[in-house]
Amino acid sequence: MDGVELAVRVGVTGIALGAAWTDLRDRRIPNALTLPAMGGLVLLQALRGQGGSALAGAALAAGVFLLPVFLVGPERAGAGDLKLGVVLGLALGFPRVMEALLIAFGVTALGGGALWALGRLPSDRTLPMGPGLALGALWGLWGPG
C-alpha cells in the first residue's frame, strides 16, 4: 500500500466514523463530511487510474439508496446515507463496495430487529444507517481482500 492509498483509507475512515457519530447523535449526516470527499475522491481516483471502478461503485451505491429516497422521501430514507454510500463507492470501487453495502444493511437490520424485540424501536420507525455504513467502510477499507 502506497502513501496515497493509506491517506485515502485513513481519510475515508474518519469520514465514515464522523458520519456514524453525527447520525447517531443528530439523525443526520452533514454535507460538510460527504460533499468535499466526493469531489476529492473523483479527482484522486481518476488520477490513479481507478476512475472507472470508482464511478461504478458510486453508481451502484447511489442506485441502492435512491430507490428508498424516491419512495418515502429524503427526510425518512436518508439523503445523507445516499451521499455517504457514494463516498464509499468512490473509495472502494466496484465490486468491493457491494460487500460494504451488504454489511451496512445487515448490521442496520440486525440492530433494528434487536430494538424491535426490546420494544425500543423509535416511534418514527427509522434507524440511522451511518453506523452500519461505517462498519461496512471499515471492512471494505481494512478487511481482507
Protein backbone atom coordinates (compact mmCIF):
# COMPACT_ATOMS: atom_id res chain seq x y z
CA MET A 1 0.00 0.00 0.00
CA ASP A 2 1.44 3.34 -1.03
CA GLY A 3 1.12 6.63 0.82
CA VAL A 4 -1.79 7.86 -1.30
CA GLU A 5 -3.76 4.67 -0.68
CA LEU A 6 -3.08 4.92 3.05
CA ALA A 7 -4.21 8.57 3.07
CA VAL A 8 -7.45 7.64 1.27
CA ARG A 9 -8.14 4.82 3.72
CA VAL A 10 -7.45 6.96 6.78
CA GLY A 11 -9.46 9.89 5.41
CA VAL A 12 -12.49 7.81 4.45
CA THR A 13 -12.32 6.01 7.80
CA GLY A 14 -12.51 9.37 9.55
CA ILE A 15 -15.43 10.47 7.38
CA ALA A 16 -17.31 7.21 7.99
CA LEU A 17 -16.78 7.34 11.76
CA GLY A 18 -17.74 11.01 11.89
CA ALA A 19 -20.88 10.27 9.89
CA ALA A 20 -21.79 7.39 12.21
CA TRP A 21 -21.40 9.65 15.24
CA THR A 22 -23.48 12.51 13.85
CA ASP A 23 -26.13 10.10 12.54
CA LEU A 24 -26.50 8.52 15.97
CA ARG A 25 -26.46 11.85 17.77
CA ASP A 26 -28.43 14.10 15.40
CA ARG A 27 -30.01 11.63 12.95
CA ARG A 28 -28.26 13.30 10.02
CA ILE A 29 -25.02 13.06 8.09
CA PRO A 30 -23.70 16.55 7.28
CA ASN A 31 -22.92 17.54 3.71
CA ALA A 32 -19.70 19.05 5.05
CA LEU A 33 -18.43 15.49 5.55
CA THR A 34 -19.55 13.93 2.31
CA LEU A 35 -19.56 16.53 -0.46
CA PRO A 36 -15.87 17.55 -0.29
CA ALA A 37 -14.92 13.86 -0.09
CA MET A 38 -16.89 13.10 -3.24
CA GLY A 39 -15.10 15.76 -5.26
CA GLY A 40 -11.68 14.81 -3.93
CA LEU A 41 -12.20 11.10 -4.49
CA VAL A 42 -13.43 11.54 -8.07
CA LEU A 43 -10.31 13.51 -8.91
CA LEU A 44 -7.92 11.31 -6.97
CA GLN A 45 -9.29 8.02 -8.30
CA ALA A 46 -9.17 9.36 -11.88
CA LEU A 47 -5.54 10.39 -11.43
CA ARG A 48 -4.74 6.94 -10.01
CA GLY A 49 -6.33 5.20 -12.99
CA GLN A 50 -9.20 3.89 -10.82
CA GLY A 51 -11.87 6.24 -12.18
CA GLY A 52 -13.98 3.56 -13.87
CA SER A 53 -14.16 1.31 -10.83
CA ALA A 54 -14.79 4.29 -8.53
CA LEU A 55 -17.63 5.64 -10.67
CA ALA A 56 -19.18 2.18 -10.98
CA GLY A 57 -19.04 1.79 -7.19
CA ALA A 58 -20.59 5.22 -6.70
CA ALA A 59 -23.33 4.47 -9.23
CA LEU A 60 -24.17 1.18 -7.52
CA ALA A 61 -24.37 2.85 -4.10
CA ALA A 62 -26.44 5.72 -5.47
CA GLY A 63 -28.84 3.29 -7.11
CA VAL A 64 -29.27 1.30 -3.92
CA PHE A 65 -30.05 4.42 -1.87
CA LEU A 66 -32.08 6.37 -4.43
CA LEU A 67 -34.99 3.94 -4.53
CA PRO A 68 -35.97 4.43 -0.85
CA VAL A 69 -35.36 8.19 -1.14
CA PHE A 70 -37.85 8.33 -4.02
CA LEU A 71 -40.33 6.00 -2.31
CA VAL A 72 -40.52 7.60 1.14
CA GLY A 73 -38.70 10.91 0.77
CA PRO A 74 -35.21 12.10 1.76
CA GLU A 75 -36.23 13.04 5.29
CA ARG A 76 -37.23 9.43 6.06
CA ALA A 77 -34.87 7.46 3.81
CA GLY A 78 -31.75 9.45 4.44
CA ALA A 79 -30.20 11.55 1.71
CA GLY A 80 -27.10 11.68 3.92
CA ASP A 81 -26.91 7.89 3.74
CA LEU A 82 -27.03 8.15 -0.03
CA LYS A 83 -24.14 10.63 -0.09
CA LEU A 84 -22.07 8.57 2.34
CA GLY A 85 -22.76 5.50 0.21
CA VAL A 86 -21.47 7.37 -2.85
CA VAL A 87 -18.31 8.29 -0.94
CA LEU A 88 -17.80 4.62 -0.09
CA GLY A 89 -18.44 3.64 -3.70
CA LEU A 90 -15.82 6.13 -4.88
CA ALA A 91 -13.29 4.99 -2.28
CA LEU A 92 -13.82 1.24 -2.55
CA GLY A 93 -14.80 0.95 -6.19
CA PHE A 94 -16.74 -1.83 -7.78
CA PRO A 95 -17.18 -4.65 -6.78
CA ARG A 96 -15.74 -4.05 -3.29
CA VAL A 97 -18.49 -1.56 -2.38
CA MET A 98 -21.05 -4.39 -2.61
CA GLU A 99 -19.54 -6.03 0.48
CA ALA A 100 -19.64 -2.75 2.40
CA LEU A 101 -23.29 -2.17 1.47
CA LEU A 102 -24.31 -5.71 2.41
CA ILE A 103 -22.62 -5.30 5.79
CA ALA A 104 -24.28 -1.89 6.28
CA PHE A 105 -27.77 -3.15 5.52
CA GLY A 106 -27.24 -6.33 7.54
CA VAL A 107 -25.97 -4.51 10.63
CA THR A 108 -28.78 -1.96 10.43
CA ALA A 109 -31.39 -4.71 10.04
CA LEU A 110 -29.97 -6.66 13.00
CA GLY A 111 -29.92 -3.51 15.11
CA GLY A 112 -33.49 -2.72 14.13
CA GLY A 113 -34.59 -6.25 14.95
CA ALA A 114 -32.94 -6.04 18.35
CA LEU A 115 -34.56 -2.67 19.08
CA TRP A 116 -37.94 -4.02 17.98
CA ALA A 117 -37.56 -7.13 20.18
CA LEU A 118 -36.68 -4.93 23.15
CA GLY A 119 -39.59 -2.59 22.45
CA ARG A 120 -37.21 0.31 21.83
CA LEU A 121 -37.77 0.91 18.12
CA PRO A 122 -38.01 4.68 17.51
CA SER A 123 -41.56 5.96 17.16
CA ASP A 124 -40.87 7.12 13.59
CA ARG A 125 -39.60 3.60 12.81
CA THR A 126 -36.46 4.91 11.10
CA LEU A 127 -32.95 3.86 12.00
CA PRO A 128 -29.69 5.68 11.49
CA MET A 129 -27.76 3.89 8.77
CA GLY A 130 -24.48 5.75 9.37
CA PRO A 131 -23.15 3.24 11.92
CA GLY A 132 -23.81 0.32 9.58
CA LEU A 133 -22.19 2.18 6.71
CA ALA A 134 -19.19 2.93 8.92
CA LEU A 135 -18.78 -0.78 9.73
CA GLY A 136 -19.10 -1.62 6.05
CA ALA A 137 -16.50 1.03 5.26
CA LEU A 138 -14.10 -0.35 7.85
CA TRP A 139 -14.45 -3.82 6.35
CA GLY A 140 -14.00 -2.55 2.81
CA LEU A 141 -11.04 -0.34 3.66
CA TRP A 142 -9.15 -2.51 6.13
CA GLY A 143 -10.56 -6.03 5.85
CA PRO A 144 -9.25 -8.89 3.78
CA GLY A 145 -9.40 -8.64 0.06
